[in-house]
Amino acid sequence: MENNDIAWQSELARRARIYEDIEAGDRFEGTMTVLDYTGMTVLMLVLVVGFWLWGA
C-alpha cells in the first residue's frame, strides 16, 4: 500500500511540474485561435446553407 502512495505522490508532483511549465511559458496547448473559430464558423455556414438548399 505504501508503494502506491509513493507512486501517486510522484505522479502528482510530475503533473504539477507540467502545469507550472505551461503557465510559465505563457502557452496553453489546445486553446483555439481566431483561425480556428473562423474555420468553425465557415464550416457551420456551409453545412447550414447546404442542407437548407438540399431540403428546399
C-alpha atoms as a PDB file:
ATOM      1  CA  MET A   1       0.000   0.000   0.000  1.00  0.00           C
ATOM      2  CA  GLU A   2       2.852   2.359   0.799  1.00  0.00           C
ATOM      3  CA  ASN A   3       4.343   1.881  -2.673  1.00  0.00           C
ATOM      4  CA  ASN A   4       1.064   3.054  -4.196  1.00  0.00           C
ATOM      5  CA  ASP A   5       1.142   6.186  -2.033  1.00  0.00           C
ATOM      6  CA  ILE A   6       4.702   6.993  -3.084  1.00  0.00           C
ATOM      7  CA  ALA A   7       3.888   6.364  -6.741  1.00  0.00           C
ATOM      8  CA  TRP A   8       0.794   8.571  -6.516  1.00  0.00           C
ATOM      9  CA  GLN A   9       2.741  11.381  -4.834  1.00  0.00           C
ATOM     10  CA  SER A  10       5.366  11.189  -7.578  1.00  0.00           C
ATOM     11  CA  GLU A  11       2.648  11.353 -10.226  1.00  0.00           C
ATOM     12  CA  LEU A  12       1.046  14.390  -8.592  1.00  0.00           C
ATOM     13  CA  ALA A  13       4.417  16.136  -8.394  1.00  0.00           C
ATOM     14  CA  ARG A  14       5.072  15.356 -12.080  1.00  0.00           C
ATOM     15  CA  ARG A  15       1.696  16.782 -13.108  1.00  0.00           C
ATOM     16  CA  ALA A  16       2.257  19.902 -11.005  1.00  0.00           C
ATOM     17  CA  ARG A  17       5.622  20.478 -12.724  1.00  0.00           C
ATOM     18  CA  ILE A  18       3.983  20.134 -16.148  1.00  0.00           C
ATOM     19  CA  TYR A  19       1.250  22.659 -15.303  1.00  0.00           C
ATOM     20  CA  GLU A  20       3.796  25.076 -13.835  1.00  0.00           C
ATOM     21  CA  ASP A  21       5.874  24.774 -17.011  1.00  0.00           C
ATOM     22  CA  ILE A  22       2.842  25.533 -19.173  1.00  0.00           C
ATOM     23  CA  GLU A  23       1.909  28.574 -17.069  1.00  0.00           C
ATOM     24  CA  ALA A  24       5.471  29.889 -17.002  1.00  0.00           C
ATOM     25  CA  GLY A  25       5.775  29.716 -20.781  1.00  0.00           C
ATOM     26  CA  ASP A  26       2.531  31.613 -21.473  1.00  0.00           C
ATOM     27  CA  ARG A  27       1.464  28.843 -23.799  1.00  0.00           C
ATOM     28  CA  PHE A  28      -1.616  26.736 -23.465  1.00  0.00           C
ATOM     29  CA  GLU A  29      -1.848  23.717 -25.743  1.00  0.00           C
ATOM     30  CA  GLY A  30      -5.289  23.144 -27.115  1.00  0.00           C
ATOM     31  CA  THR A  31      -6.507  26.727 -26.952  1.00  0.00           C
ATOM     32  CA  MET A  32      -8.377  27.891 -30.012  1.00  0.00           C
ATOM     33  CA  THR A  33      -7.158  30.768 -32.132  1.00  0.00           C
ATOM     34  CA  VAL A  34      -9.084  33.220 -34.288  1.00  0.00           C
ATOM     35  CA  LEU A  35      -8.336  30.994 -37.265  1.00  0.00           C
ATOM     36  CA  ASP A  36      -9.962  28.014 -35.518  1.00  0.00           C
ATOM     37  CA  TYR A  37     -13.119  29.978 -34.711  1.00  0.00           C
ATOM     38  CA  THR A  38     -13.269  31.365 -38.255  1.00  0.00           C
ATOM     39  CA  GLY A  39     -12.945  27.885 -39.724  1.00  0.00           C
ATOM     40  CA  MET A  40     -15.691  26.537 -37.483  1.00  0.00           C
ATOM     41  CA  THR A  41     -17.987  29.416 -38.419  1.00  0.00           C
ATOM     42  CA  VAL A  42     -17.385  28.929 -42.144  1.00  0.00           C
ATOM     43  CA  LEU A  43     -17.955  25.177 -41.831  1.00  0.00           C
ATOM     44  CA  MET A  44     -21.185  25.748 -39.905  1.00  0.00           C
ATOM     45  CA  LEU A  45     -22.459  28.204 -42.514  1.00  0.00           C
ATOM     46  CA  VAL A  46     -21.575  25.832 -45.384  1.00  0.00           C
ATOM     47  CA  LEU A  47     -23.406  22.986 -43.674  1.00  0.00           C
ATOM     48  CA  VAL A  48     -26.486  25.041 -42.781  1.00  0.00           C
ATOM     49  CA  VAL A  49     -26.805  26.570 -46.249  1.00  0.00           C
ATOM     50  CA  GLY A  50     -26.037  23.249 -47.915  1.00  0.00           C
ATOM     51  CA  PHE A  51     -28.711  21.353 -46.022  1.00  0.00           C
ATOM     52  CA  TRP A  52     -31.170  24.212 -46.453  1.00  0.00           C
ATOM     53  CA  LEU A  53     -30.661  24.148 -50.227  1.00  0.00           C
ATOM     54  CA  TRP A  54     -30.827  20.360 -50.277  1.00  0.00           C
ATOM     55  CA  GLY A  55     -34.156  20.367 -48.453  1.00  0.00           C
ATOM     56  CA  ALA A  56     -35.673  23.208 -50.493  1.00  0.00           C
END
